[in-house]
Every structure is written in C-alpha cells, then in structure tokens.
Amino acid sequence: MRKVQKGGPLVNSEFYPGWLTHWQESESIVKTIDVVKQMKVMLAMNASFSFYMFHGGTNFGFTSGANTNDTKESIGYLPQLTSYDYNAPLDEAGDPTEKYFQIKQTLEEA
C-alpha cells in the first residue's frame, strides 16, 4: 500500500473477500486463508479497509450487469449472474459463512 500512497493515511476502500461470476464460468472463490492473510497485513500497517461485498445479495432480472472482454475471441459480452453473493462473508440469505467467522476472529485478535 505504501508504494501507492507514499504519505498520508492508508485506505483500501474496496477490499474484495470474493468476486463476481459470469455466466458459463466456474464460481469465483477467494480462499478464506488469503483474505485473512491480507487483512493481517493491512492491520499491521494500521490501514483502514472496507469489505466489498460483506453481505451478498441478488439483482433480479436484467439488473445484474455485465462486462466486456476483448481478449477472448468471439466473447465480447460477459453477463453476470443475478447472484450478488460475491463469495461474501455473509451469504445471500444473510447467513454467516466460515469466512465470516475467520474474519471475526482476526479482528478480535487485532
């Protein structure tokens, strides 16, 4: 973080504990151990961070969005699933996941 922000406060305004999934892709998973490891690095630097997403959700109909991708031949439009779960610590139903409990423990120990 110091490479980007040489002075002043350290802030990660979008710390991703998970990621979106496009149609026809395998579910995007960010391992809990990797999330906790990065949290510990930021906490050791006294950095502030905000999870994106902490609580999953759902975008119904055609409001889930899409991305474009010019790097894959014949694939220019990549629609996202209606699930906005993002492999988040709290899932779409608001239930805590193992990732949630590991994050909670890490913050309690900080």
N, C-alpha and C. Protein backbone atom coordinates (compact mmCIF):
# COMPACT_ATOMS: atom_id res chain seq x y z
N MET A 1 0.82 -1.19 0.00
CA MET A 1 0.00 0.00 0.00
C MET A 1 0.87 1.26 0.00
N ARG A 2 2.01 1.18 0.66
CA ARG A 2 2.88 2.36 0.71
C ARG A 2 3.47 2.68 -0.65
N LYS A 3 3.56 1.72 -1.54
CA LYS A 3 4.05 2.01 -2.89
C LYS A 3 3.10 2.95 -3.62
N VAL A 4 1.82 2.81 -3.35
CA VAL A 4 0.81 3.64 -4.00
C VAL A 4 0.58 4.93 -3.22
N GLN A 5 0.55 4.84 -1.90
CA GLN A 5 0.28 6.00 -1.04
C GLN A 5 1.52 6.25 -0.18
N LYS A 6 2.41 7.08 -0.67
CA LYS A 6 3.71 7.29 -0.01
C LYS A 6 3.58 8.01 1.34
N GLY A 7 2.63 8.91 1.46
CA GLY A 7 2.38 9.62 2.71
C GLY A 7 0.88 9.62 2.97
N GLY A 8 0.50 10.04 4.11
CA GLY A 8 -0.93 10.11 4.40
C GLY A 8 -1.50 8.78 4.84
N PRO A 9 -2.81 8.74 5.05
CA PRO A 9 -3.44 7.53 5.58
C PRO A 9 -3.49 6.41 4.54
N LEU A 10 -3.45 5.19 5.04
CA LEU A 10 -3.57 4.02 4.19
C LEU A 10 -5.02 3.54 4.22
N VAL A 11 -5.66 3.50 3.06
CA VAL A 11 -7.06 3.11 2.97
C VAL A 11 -7.26 2.20 1.77
N ASN A 12 -7.86 1.05 2.01
CA ASN A 12 -8.31 0.18 0.94
C ASN A 12 -9.83 0.26 0.94
N SER A 13 -10.38 1.07 0.06
CA SER A 13 -11.83 1.32 0.08
C SER A 13 -12.65 0.18 -0.52
N GLU A 14 -12.01 -0.74 -1.23
CA GLU A 14 -12.71 -1.90 -1.77
C GLU A 14 -11.84 -3.14 -1.61
N PHE A 15 -11.87 -3.72 -0.42
CA PHE A 15 -11.14 -4.96 -0.15
C PHE A 15 -12.07 -6.11 -0.52
N TYR A 16 -11.66 -6.92 -1.48
CA TYR A 16 -12.52 -7.97 -2.03
C TYR A 16 -12.31 -9.31 -1.33
N PRO A 17 -13.26 -9.74 -0.48
CA PRO A 17 -13.16 -11.08 0.09
C PRO A 17 -13.70 -12.15 -0.87
N GLY A 18 -14.21 -11.71 -2.00
CA GLY A 18 -14.74 -12.60 -3.03
C GLY A 18 -14.81 -11.84 -4.34
N TRP A 19 -15.43 -12.46 -5.34
CA TRP A 19 -15.52 -11.79 -6.63
C TRP A 19 -16.74 -12.29 -7.37
N LEU A 20 -17.14 -11.55 -8.41
CA LEU A 20 -18.32 -11.88 -9.19
C LEU A 20 -18.07 -13.08 -10.10
N THR A 21 -19.17 -13.65 -10.59
CA THR A 21 -19.10 -14.77 -11.52
C THR A 21 -19.94 -14.43 -12.74
N HIS A 22 -19.38 -14.69 -13.91
CA HIS A 22 -20.12 -14.51 -15.16
C HIS A 22 -20.80 -15.82 -15.55
N TRP A 23 -21.81 -15.70 -16.39
CA TRP A 23 -22.46 -16.89 -16.94
C TRP A 23 -21.40 -17.78 -17.58
N GLN A 24 -21.55 -19.07 -17.43
CA GLN A 24 -20.70 -20.11 -18.02
C GLN A 24 -19.28 -20.13 -17.43
N GLU A 25 -19.07 -19.48 -16.32
CA GLU A 25 -17.79 -19.55 -15.62
C GLU A 25 -17.97 -20.37 -14.34
N SER A 26 -16.90 -20.95 -13.86
CA SER A 26 -16.93 -21.60 -12.55
C SER A 26 -17.09 -20.51 -11.49
N GLU A 27 -17.70 -20.89 -10.36
CA GLU A 27 -17.88 -19.91 -9.28
C GLU A 27 -16.53 -19.33 -8.88
N SER A 28 -16.49 -18.02 -8.77
CA SER A 28 -15.27 -17.32 -8.37
C SER A 28 -15.13 -17.42 -6.85
N ILE A 29 -14.04 -18.01 -6.41
CA ILE A 29 -13.81 -18.20 -4.97
C ILE A 29 -12.50 -17.53 -4.57
N VAL A 30 -12.55 -16.74 -3.51
CA VAL A 30 -11.34 -16.22 -2.88
C VAL A 30 -11.20 -16.99 -1.57
N LYS A 31 -10.11 -17.67 -1.41
CA LYS A 31 -9.91 -18.52 -0.24
C LYS A 31 -9.87 -17.69 1.04
N THR A 32 -10.51 -18.23 2.06
CA THR A 32 -10.55 -17.56 3.36
C THR A 32 -9.16 -17.27 3.89
N ILE A 33 -8.26 -18.22 3.74
CA ILE A 33 -6.89 -18.03 4.24
C ILE A 33 -6.21 -16.83 3.58
N ASP A 34 -6.51 -16.60 2.29
CA ASP A 34 -5.93 -15.45 1.59
C ASP A 34 -6.53 -14.13 2.07
N VAL A 35 -7.83 -14.14 2.36
CA VAL A 35 -8.49 -12.94 2.89
C VAL A 35 -7.90 -12.58 4.25
N VAL A 36 -7.79 -13.56 5.12
CA VAL A 36 -7.25 -13.34 6.47
C VAL A 36 -5.80 -12.88 6.40
N LYS A 37 -5.02 -13.49 5.54
CA LYS A 37 -3.61 -13.11 5.39
C LYS A 37 -3.48 -11.64 4.99
N GLN A 38 -4.28 -11.20 4.01
CA GLN A 38 -4.22 -9.81 3.57
C GLN A 38 -4.74 -8.86 4.64
N MET A 39 -5.78 -9.29 5.37
CA MET A 39 -6.27 -8.47 6.49
C MET A 39 -5.17 -8.23 7.51
N LYS A 40 -4.44 -9.28 7.84
CA LYS A 40 -3.37 -9.15 8.83
C LYS A 40 -2.28 -8.19 8.37
N VAL A 41 -1.99 -8.20 7.08
CA VAL A 41 -1.01 -7.26 6.53
C VAL A 41 -1.52 -5.83 6.70
N MET A 42 -2.78 -5.60 6.34
CA MET A 42 -3.34 -4.24 6.44
C MET A 42 -3.45 -3.80 7.90
N LEU A 43 -3.85 -4.70 8.78
CA LEU A 43 -3.95 -4.36 10.20
C LEU A 43 -2.58 -4.03 10.78
N ALA A 44 -1.55 -4.76 10.37
CA ALA A 44 -0.20 -4.49 10.86
C ALA A 44 0.30 -3.12 10.40
N MET A 45 -0.23 -2.64 9.27
CA MET A 45 0.15 -1.32 8.75
C MET A 45 -0.74 -0.22 9.32
N ASN A 46 -1.68 -0.59 10.20
CA ASN A 46 -2.66 0.35 10.74
C ASN A 46 -3.50 0.97 9.63
N ALA A 47 -3.77 0.18 8.60
CA ALA A 47 -4.56 0.66 7.46
C ALA A 47 -6.05 0.48 7.73
N SER A 48 -6.85 1.32 7.10
CA SER A 48 -8.30 1.18 7.13
C SER A 48 -8.72 0.40 5.89
N PHE A 49 -9.78 -0.40 6.03
CA PHE A 49 -10.28 -1.11 4.85
C PHE A 49 -11.77 -1.36 4.99
N SER A 50 -12.41 -1.46 3.84
CA SER A 50 -13.84 -1.69 3.76
C SER A 50 -14.06 -2.90 2.85
N PHE A 51 -14.84 -3.86 3.32
CA PHE A 51 -15.12 -5.07 2.53
C PHE A 51 -16.11 -4.77 1.41
N TYR A 52 -15.82 -5.30 0.23
CA TYR A 52 -16.75 -5.22 -0.89
C TYR A 52 -16.81 -6.59 -1.54
N MET A 53 -17.77 -7.31 -1.32
CA MET A 53 -19.00 -7.23 -0.57
C MET A 53 -18.83 -7.95 0.76
N PHE A 54 -19.50 -7.46 1.79
CA PHE A 54 -19.51 -8.16 3.07
C PHE A 54 -20.76 -9.03 3.18
N HIS A 55 -21.86 -8.54 2.60
CA HIS A 55 -23.14 -9.26 2.61
C HIS A 55 -23.58 -9.44 1.17
N GLY A 56 -23.75 -10.69 0.77
CA GLY A 56 -24.20 -10.96 -0.60
C GLY A 56 -25.65 -10.55 -0.80
N GLY A 57 -26.07 -10.53 -2.03
CA GLY A 57 -27.44 -10.16 -2.36
C GLY A 57 -27.84 -10.70 -3.71
N THR A 58 -28.94 -10.20 -4.24
CA THR A 58 -29.45 -10.65 -5.52
C THR A 58 -29.90 -9.46 -6.35
N ASN A 59 -29.55 -9.45 -7.61
CA ASN A 59 -30.06 -8.48 -8.58
C ASN A 59 -30.97 -9.24 -9.54
N PHE A 60 -32.25 -9.00 -9.44
CA PHE A 60 -33.20 -9.76 -10.25
C PHE A 60 -33.29 -9.22 -11.67
N GLY A 61 -33.77 -10.06 -12.57
CA GLY A 61 -33.99 -9.66 -13.95
C GLY A 61 -32.70 -9.32 -14.67
N PHE A 62 -32.72 -8.20 -15.37
CA PHE A 62 -31.57 -7.81 -16.18
C PHE A 62 -30.73 -6.73 -15.51
N THR A 63 -30.82 -6.62 -14.18
CA THR A 63 -30.09 -5.56 -13.47
C THR A 63 -28.76 -6.04 -12.89
N SER A 64 -28.36 -7.25 -13.21
CA SER A 64 -27.12 -7.78 -12.62
C SER A 64 -25.86 -7.25 -13.27
N GLY A 65 -25.97 -6.70 -14.46
CA GLY A 65 -24.82 -6.09 -15.11
C GLY A 65 -24.04 -7.07 -15.96
N ALA A 66 -23.00 -6.56 -16.57
CA ALA A 66 -22.15 -7.36 -17.45
C ALA A 66 -20.83 -6.64 -17.64
N ASN A 67 -19.89 -7.36 -18.20
CA ASN A 67 -18.59 -6.79 -18.55
C ASN A 67 -18.32 -7.07 -20.02
N THR A 68 -17.38 -6.35 -20.56
CA THR A 68 -16.92 -6.65 -21.91
C THR A 68 -15.53 -7.24 -21.82
N ASN A 69 -15.20 -8.08 -22.77
CA ASN A 69 -13.89 -8.72 -22.77
C ASN A 69 -13.44 -8.89 -24.21
N ASP A 70 -12.46 -8.13 -24.58
CA ASP A 70 -11.94 -8.20 -25.95
C ASP A 70 -10.77 -9.17 -26.07
N THR A 71 -10.37 -9.80 -24.96
CA THR A 71 -9.20 -10.68 -25.01
C THR A 71 -9.56 -12.09 -25.45
N LYS A 72 -10.81 -12.49 -25.28
CA LYS A 72 -11.24 -13.82 -25.71
C LYS A 72 -11.94 -13.70 -27.06
N GLU A 73 -11.45 -14.42 -28.02
CA GLU A 73 -12.02 -14.35 -29.36
C GLU A 73 -13.49 -14.74 -29.32
N SER A 74 -14.32 -13.96 -29.96
CA SER A 74 -15.77 -14.14 -30.09
C SER A 74 -16.54 -13.97 -28.79
N ILE A 75 -15.89 -13.56 -27.72
CA ILE A 75 -16.61 -13.28 -26.48
C ILE A 75 -16.39 -11.81 -26.14
N GLY A 76 -17.37 -10.98 -26.43
CA GLY A 76 -17.23 -9.57 -26.13
C GLY A 76 -18.14 -9.13 -25.01
N TYR A 77 -19.17 -9.94 -24.70
CA TYR A 77 -20.17 -9.56 -23.71
C TYR A 77 -20.24 -10.67 -22.67
N LEU A 78 -19.98 -10.33 -21.40
CA LEU A 78 -19.97 -11.32 -20.33
C LEU A 78 -21.01 -10.96 -19.27
N PRO A 79 -22.23 -11.50 -19.38
CA PRO A 79 -23.26 -11.19 -18.38
C PRO A 79 -22.93 -11.82 -17.03
N GLN A 80 -23.25 -11.09 -15.97
CA GLN A 80 -23.02 -11.58 -14.61
C GLN A 80 -24.25 -12.32 -14.11
N LEU A 81 -24.04 -13.25 -13.19
CA LEU A 81 -25.15 -13.95 -12.57
C LEU A 81 -26.00 -12.96 -11.77
N THR A 82 -27.26 -13.30 -11.56
CA THR A 82 -28.11 -12.42 -10.75
C THR A 82 -27.69 -12.45 -9.28
N SER A 83 -26.96 -13.47 -8.89
CA SER A 83 -26.44 -13.54 -7.53
C SER A 83 -25.38 -12.46 -7.34
N TYR A 84 -25.54 -11.69 -6.28
CA TYR A 84 -24.52 -10.71 -5.92
C TYR A 84 -23.85 -11.19 -4.64
N ASP A 85 -23.71 -12.49 -4.54
CA ASP A 85 -23.14 -13.11 -3.35
C ASP A 85 -21.67 -12.79 -3.21
N TYR A 86 -20.93 -12.83 -4.32
CA TYR A 86 -19.51 -12.49 -4.34
C TYR A 86 -18.67 -13.31 -3.37
N ASN A 87 -19.18 -14.51 -2.99
CA ASN A 87 -18.42 -15.33 -2.04
C ASN A 87 -18.17 -14.53 -0.76
N ALA A 88 -19.17 -13.74 -0.37
CA ALA A 88 -19.06 -12.79 0.74
C ALA A 88 -19.10 -13.50 2.10
N PRO A 89 -18.60 -12.84 3.14
CA PRO A 89 -18.65 -13.42 4.50
C PRO A 89 -20.07 -13.73 4.97
N LEU A 90 -21.04 -12.88 4.63
CA LEU A 90 -22.45 -13.19 4.86
C LEU A 90 -23.04 -13.51 3.49
N ASP A 91 -23.68 -14.66 3.36
CA ASP A 91 -24.17 -15.06 2.04
C ASP A 91 -25.45 -14.31 1.64
N GLU A 92 -26.02 -14.69 0.51
CA GLU A 92 -27.21 -14.00 0.01
C GLU A 92 -28.35 -13.98 1.01
N ALA A 93 -28.48 -15.03 1.80
CA ALA A 93 -29.55 -15.11 2.79
C ALA A 93 -29.20 -14.38 4.09
N GLY A 94 -27.98 -13.87 4.19
CA GLY A 94 -27.54 -13.20 5.41
C GLY A 94 -26.92 -14.14 6.42
N ASP A 95 -26.73 -15.39 6.02
CA ASP A 95 -26.14 -16.37 6.93
C ASP A 95 -24.62 -16.23 6.96
N PRO A 96 -24.03 -16.34 8.15
CA PRO A 96 -22.56 -16.25 8.24
C PRO A 96 -21.91 -17.50 7.64
N THR A 97 -20.80 -17.28 6.97
CA THR A 97 -20.03 -18.37 6.38
C THR A 97 -18.78 -18.60 7.22
N GLU A 98 -18.02 -19.62 6.88
CA GLU A 98 -16.75 -19.86 7.57
C GLU A 98 -15.84 -18.65 7.42
N LYS A 99 -15.91 -18.00 6.27
CA LYS A 99 -15.10 -16.79 6.03
C LYS A 99 -15.46 -15.71 7.05
N TYR A 100 -16.75 -15.56 7.34
CA TYR A 100 -17.21 -14.58 8.33
C TYR A 100 -16.55 -14.84 9.69
N PHE A 101 -16.60 -16.10 10.13
CA PHE A 101 -16.07 -16.43 11.45
C PHE A 101 -14.55 -16.23 11.52
N GLN A 102 -13.85 -16.50 10.45
CA GLN A 102 -12.40 -16.28 10.42
C GLN A 102 -12.08 -14.78 10.44
N ILE A 103 -12.86 -13.99 9.71
CA ILE A 103 -12.67 -12.53 9.72
C ILE A 103 -12.94 -11.99 11.12
N LYS A 104 -14.03 -12.45 11.72
CA LYS A 104 -14.39 -12.01 13.07
C LYS A 104 -13.27 -12.32 14.06
N GLN A 105 -12.74 -13.53 14.00
CA GLN A 105 -11.66 -13.93 14.90
C GLN A 105 -10.41 -13.07 14.67
N THR A 106 -10.09 -12.81 13.42
CA THR A 106 -8.92 -11.99 13.09
C THR A 106 -9.07 -10.58 13.66
N LEU A 107 -10.26 -10.00 13.55
CA LEU A 107 -10.49 -8.66 14.08
C LEU A 107 -10.47 -8.65 15.61
N GLU A 108 -10.98 -9.71 16.22
CA GLU A 108 -10.96 -9.79 17.69
C GLU A 108 -9.53 -9.89 18.22
N GLU A 109 -8.65 -10.51 17.45
CA GLU A 109 -7.26 -10.68 17.87
C GLU A 109 -6.40 -9.45 17.58
N ALA A 110 -6.91 -8.55 16.76
CA ALA A 110 -6.11 -7.37 16.36
C ALA A 110 -6.00 -6.36 17.48
